[in-house]
C-alpha cells in the first residue's frame, strides 16, 4: 500500500486539511500505516497536481485560510483500481523476536526490561483501541454518536477489532516470553 491510498481512504471518510489528515494518522490510521506531517503535505501536493484530489480554500475567522482536500473522480478511480488488485500477505519483520532468539547466546535475563517495555507499549495501545471502540462503537447502537452503523463505520469497526485482537495476541505472547525469560534466568 502506498500512503496515497491511505490518504484517499481518509479523505473519502471525511474531507479535511493536511493538518486534519495528519491528526487522523496520529489517532487511528497511524496504527496500521504511519506517515509524518511533512510526508502527508508532500503527497497531498503531488496528488493535487496529479488530479487525484481537489482542494478549496476555506476562510477562517482570526486564522489563516485552510486548504480542504476532497477526493476527485480520478482519485476515486485510482483507489477503486487498487482495491481490486491482489496484494501479497504481509511478511513479519520483528526485531524483538530476533533478539529473543539471540538471547540463547547471551544472558536471556538481559532482555527482560526490553520485553517489559514492549509489553507496556502494547498494553497502552490496547487500552487506546478499547477506549476508541467504547466511544465510537458502543454496545447499543442507539447510543452511537453517528447513529446506526453504515458500511463505512462497520468496516472501520472491523479494522479496529483486528487491532484489538492483534494487541491481545501480542500481549499474550509477550507474557509467555517474559515467563520464559524469568524461568531461564532462575535456572542460571
Protein backbone atom coordinates (compact mmCIF):
# COMPACT_ATOMS: atom_id res chain seq x y z
CA UNK A 1 0.00 0.00 0.00
CA UNK A 2 1.16 3.49 -0.71
CA UNK A 3 0.49 6.47 1.51
CA UNK A 4 -1.67 7.83 -1.32
CA UNK A 5 -4.20 5.04 -0.79
CA UNK A 6 -4.36 5.67 2.96
CA UNK A 7 -4.92 9.40 2.28
CA UNK A 8 -7.65 8.67 -0.29
CA UNK A 9 -9.47 6.41 2.18
CA UNK A 10 -9.20 9.02 4.93
CA UNK A 11 -10.48 11.80 2.65
CA UNK A 12 -13.38 9.66 1.45
CA UNK A 13 -14.33 9.06 5.07
CA UNK A 14 -14.17 12.80 5.71
CA UNK A 15 -12.66 15.68 3.69
CA UNK A 16 -10.09 17.72 5.53
CA UNK A 17 -6.96 19.81 5.61
CA UNK A 18 -3.43 18.47 5.67
CA UNK A 19 -3.32 19.17 9.40
CA UNK A 20 -6.59 17.28 9.97
CA UNK A 21 -5.27 14.34 7.93
CA UNK A 22 -2.07 14.29 9.99
CA UNK A 23 -4.18 14.19 13.18
CA UNK A 24 -6.20 11.27 11.80
CA UNK A 25 -2.98 9.44 11.03
CA UNK A 26 -1.88 10.02 14.63
CA UNK A 27 -5.21 8.92 16.11
CA UNK A 28 -6.30 5.96 14.02
CA UNK A 29 -4.84 5.28 10.60
CA UNK A 30 -1.34 5.62 12.01
CA UNK A 31 -1.69 2.39 13.93
CA UNK A 32 -1.54 0.44 10.69
CA UNK A 33 0.01 2.98 8.32
CA UNK A 34 2.32 5.71 9.55
CA UNK A 35 3.22 8.98 7.88
CA UNK A 36 4.83 12.19 9.09
CA UNK A 37 3.14 15.58 8.73
CA UNK A 38 5.72 16.59 6.11
CA UNK A 39 5.14 13.38 4.16
CA UNK A 40 1.37 13.91 4.15
CA UNK A 41 1.70 17.51 2.90
CA UNK A 42 4.21 16.49 0.22
CA UNK A 43 2.00 13.64 -1.02
CA UNK A 44 -1.15 15.83 -0.96
CA UNK A 45 0.60 18.37 -3.18
CA UNK A 46 1.57 15.63 -5.64
CA UNK A 47 -1.94 14.12 -5.53
CA UNK A 48 -3.40 17.55 -6.26
CA UNK A 49 -1.12 18.08 -9.26
CA UNK A 50 -1.94 14.55 -10.50
CA UNK A 51 -5.68 15.30 -10.25
CA UNK A 52 -6.40 12.75 -7.53
CA UNK A 53 -7.67 15.32 -5.03
CA UNK A 54 -9.43 18.65 -5.27
CA UNK A 55 -8.61 21.48 -2.92
CA UNK A 56 -10.56 24.55 -1.89
CA UNK A 57 -9.64 27.44 0.37
CA UNK A 58 -11.80 27.63 3.47
CA UNK A 59 -11.89 31.04 5.16
CA UNK A 60 -11.36 31.02 8.92
CA UNK A 61 -12.01 33.82 11.37
CA UNK A 62 -8.89 35.08 13.14
CA UNK A 63 -6.67 32.46 11.47
CA UNK A 64 -5.23 31.95 8.01
CA UNK A 65 -7.47 30.25 5.47
CA UNK A 66 -7.09 26.49 5.34
CA UNK A 67 -6.99 24.17 2.35
CA UNK A 68 -9.63 21.45 2.46
CA UNK A 69 -8.98 18.36 0.35
CA UNK A 70 -11.58 16.06 -1.18
CA UNK A 71 -11.16 13.06 -3.46
CA UNK A 72 -11.53 13.85 -7.16
CA UNK A 73 -13.08 11.41 -9.64
CA UNK A 74 -9.60 10.34 -10.78
CA UNK A 75 -8.60 9.66 -7.15
CA UNK A 76 -11.72 7.56 -6.68
CA UNK A 77 -10.84 5.58 -9.83
CA UNK A 78 -7.25 5.06 -8.63
CA UNK A 79 -8.47 3.81 -5.26
CA UNK A 80 -11.04 1.54 -6.89
CA UNK A 81 -8.37 0.06 -9.16
CA UNK A 82 -6.06 -0.52 -6.19
CA UNK A 83 -8.86 -2.15 -4.17
CA UNK A 84 -9.34 -4.71 -6.95
CA UNK A 85 -5.64 -5.60 -7.21
CA UNK A 86 -4.39 -8.61 -5.26
CA UNK A 87 -1.80 -7.97 -2.56
CA UNK A 88 0.65 -10.36 -1.01
CA UNK A 89 0.10 -11.43 2.59
CA UNK A 90 2.29 -9.40 4.91
CA UNK A 91 5.61 -10.83 5.97
CA UNK A 92 6.51 -10.17 9.55
CA UNK A 93 9.80 -8.50 10.38
CA UNK A 94 10.13 -8.47 14.10
CA UNK A 95 13.38 -7.20 15.64
CA UNK A 96 12.33 -8.23 19.14
CA UNK A 97 11.75 -11.84 18.03
CA UNK A 98 15.29 -11.97 16.60
CA UNK A 99 16.68 -10.54 19.85
CA UNK A 100 14.76 -13.15 21.84
CA UNK A 101 16.24 -15.96 19.73
CA UNK A 102 19.66 -14.35 20.02
CA UNK A 103 19.38 -14.29 23.83
CA UNK A 104 20.18 -18.02 23.76
CA UNK A 105 23.77 -16.95 23.04
CA UNK A 106 23.97 -14.39 25.82
CA UNK A 107 22.10 -13.76 29.08
CA UNK A 108 18.33 -14.21 28.48
CA UNK A 109 17.61 -12.10 31.59
CA UNK A 110 19.20 -9.12 29.82
CA UNK A 111 16.08 -8.87 27.63
CA UNK A 112 13.51 -8.78 30.43
CA UNK A 113 13.46 -4.99 30.70
CA UNK A 114 13.17 -4.57 26.92
CA UNK A 115 10.32 -7.10 26.68
CA UNK A 116 8.56 -5.36 29.58
CA UNK A 117 8.91 -2.04 27.74
CA UNK A 118 7.34 -3.57 24.62
CA UNK A 119 4.58 -5.08 26.74
CA UNK A 120 3.82 -1.66 28.24
CA UNK A 121 3.59 -0.08 24.79
CA UNK A 122 1.22 -2.77 23.54
CA UNK A 123 -0.90 -2.56 26.71
CA UNK A 124 -1.25 1.22 26.20
CA UNK A 125 -2.20 0.71 22.56
CA UNK A 126 -4.80 -1.91 23.51
CA UNK A 127 -6.28 0.46 26.12
CA UNK A 128 -6.40 3.22 23.47
CA UNK A 129 -8.15 0.90 20.99
CA UNK A 130 -10.65 -0.28 23.60
CA UNK A 131 -11.44 3.31 24.64
CA UNK A 132 -11.97 4.23 20.98
CA UNK A 133 -14.23 1.25 20.48
CA UNK A 134 -16.28 2.16 23.54
CA UNK A 135 -16.53 5.77 22.37
CA UNK A 136 -17.18 5.16 18.66
CA UNK A 137 -18.94 1.78 18.68
CA UNK A 138 -20.97 1.45 21.88
CA UNK A 139 -22.72 -1.83 22.55
CA UNK A 140 -26.13 -0.26 21.93
CA UNK A 141 -26.07 1.40 18.53
CA UNK A 142 -28.81 3.78 19.67
CA UNK A 143 -26.14 5.39 21.86
CA UNK A 144 -23.66 5.67 18.97
CA UNK A 145 -22.53 9.22 18.17
CA UNK A 146 -23.33 8.77 14.46
CA UNK A 147 -26.36 6.51 14.76
CA UNK A 148 -26.63 3.01 13.31
CA UNK A 149 -23.59 1.58 11.55
CA UNK A 150 -23.32 2.08 7.83
CA UNK A 151 -20.87 0.13 5.65
CA UNK A 152 -18.07 2.62 6.28
CA UNK A 153 -18.47 2.53 10.04
CA UNK A 154 -18.80 -1.26 10.05
CA UNK A 155 -15.56 -1.57 8.11
CA UNK A 156 -13.83 0.92 10.44
CA UNK A 157 -15.01 -1.19 13.36
CA UNK A 158 -13.80 -4.47 11.88
CA UNK A 159 -10.33 -2.94 11.35
CA UNK A 160 -10.37 -1.70 14.95
CA UNK A 161 -11.38 -5.17 16.16
CA UNK A 162 -8.42 -6.55 14.21
CA UNK A 163 -6.13 -4.13 16.02
CA UNK A 164 -7.64 -5.15 19.37
CA UNK A 165 -7.16 -8.85 18.56
CA UNK A 166 -3.58 -8.22 17.43
CA UNK A 167 -2.69 -6.34 20.60
CA UNK A 168 -4.28 -9.03 22.80
CA UNK A 169 -2.34 -11.72 20.93
CA UNK A 170 0.89 -9.73 21.23
CA UNK A 171 0.37 -9.21 24.97
CA UNK A 172 -0.25 -12.94 25.47
CA UNK A 173 2.93 -13.71 23.53
CA UNK A 174 4.98 -11.15 25.48
CA UNK A 175 3.68 -12.64 28.74
CA UNK A 176 4.86 -16.04 27.51
CA UNK A 177 8.26 -14.57 26.56
CA UNK A 178 8.61 -12.92 29.98
CA UNK A 179 7.70 -16.13 31.79
CA UNK A 180 10.29 -18.00 29.71
CA UNK A 181 12.99 -15.37 30.30
CA UNK A 182 12.32 -15.35 34.05
CA UNK A 183 12.45 -19.16 34.18
CA UNK A 184 15.71 -19.26 32.22
CA UNK A 185 17.21 -16.54 34.43
CA UNK A 186 16.29 -18.53 37.56
CA UNK A 187 17.93 -21.65 36.11
CA UNK A 188 21.28 -19.90 35.54
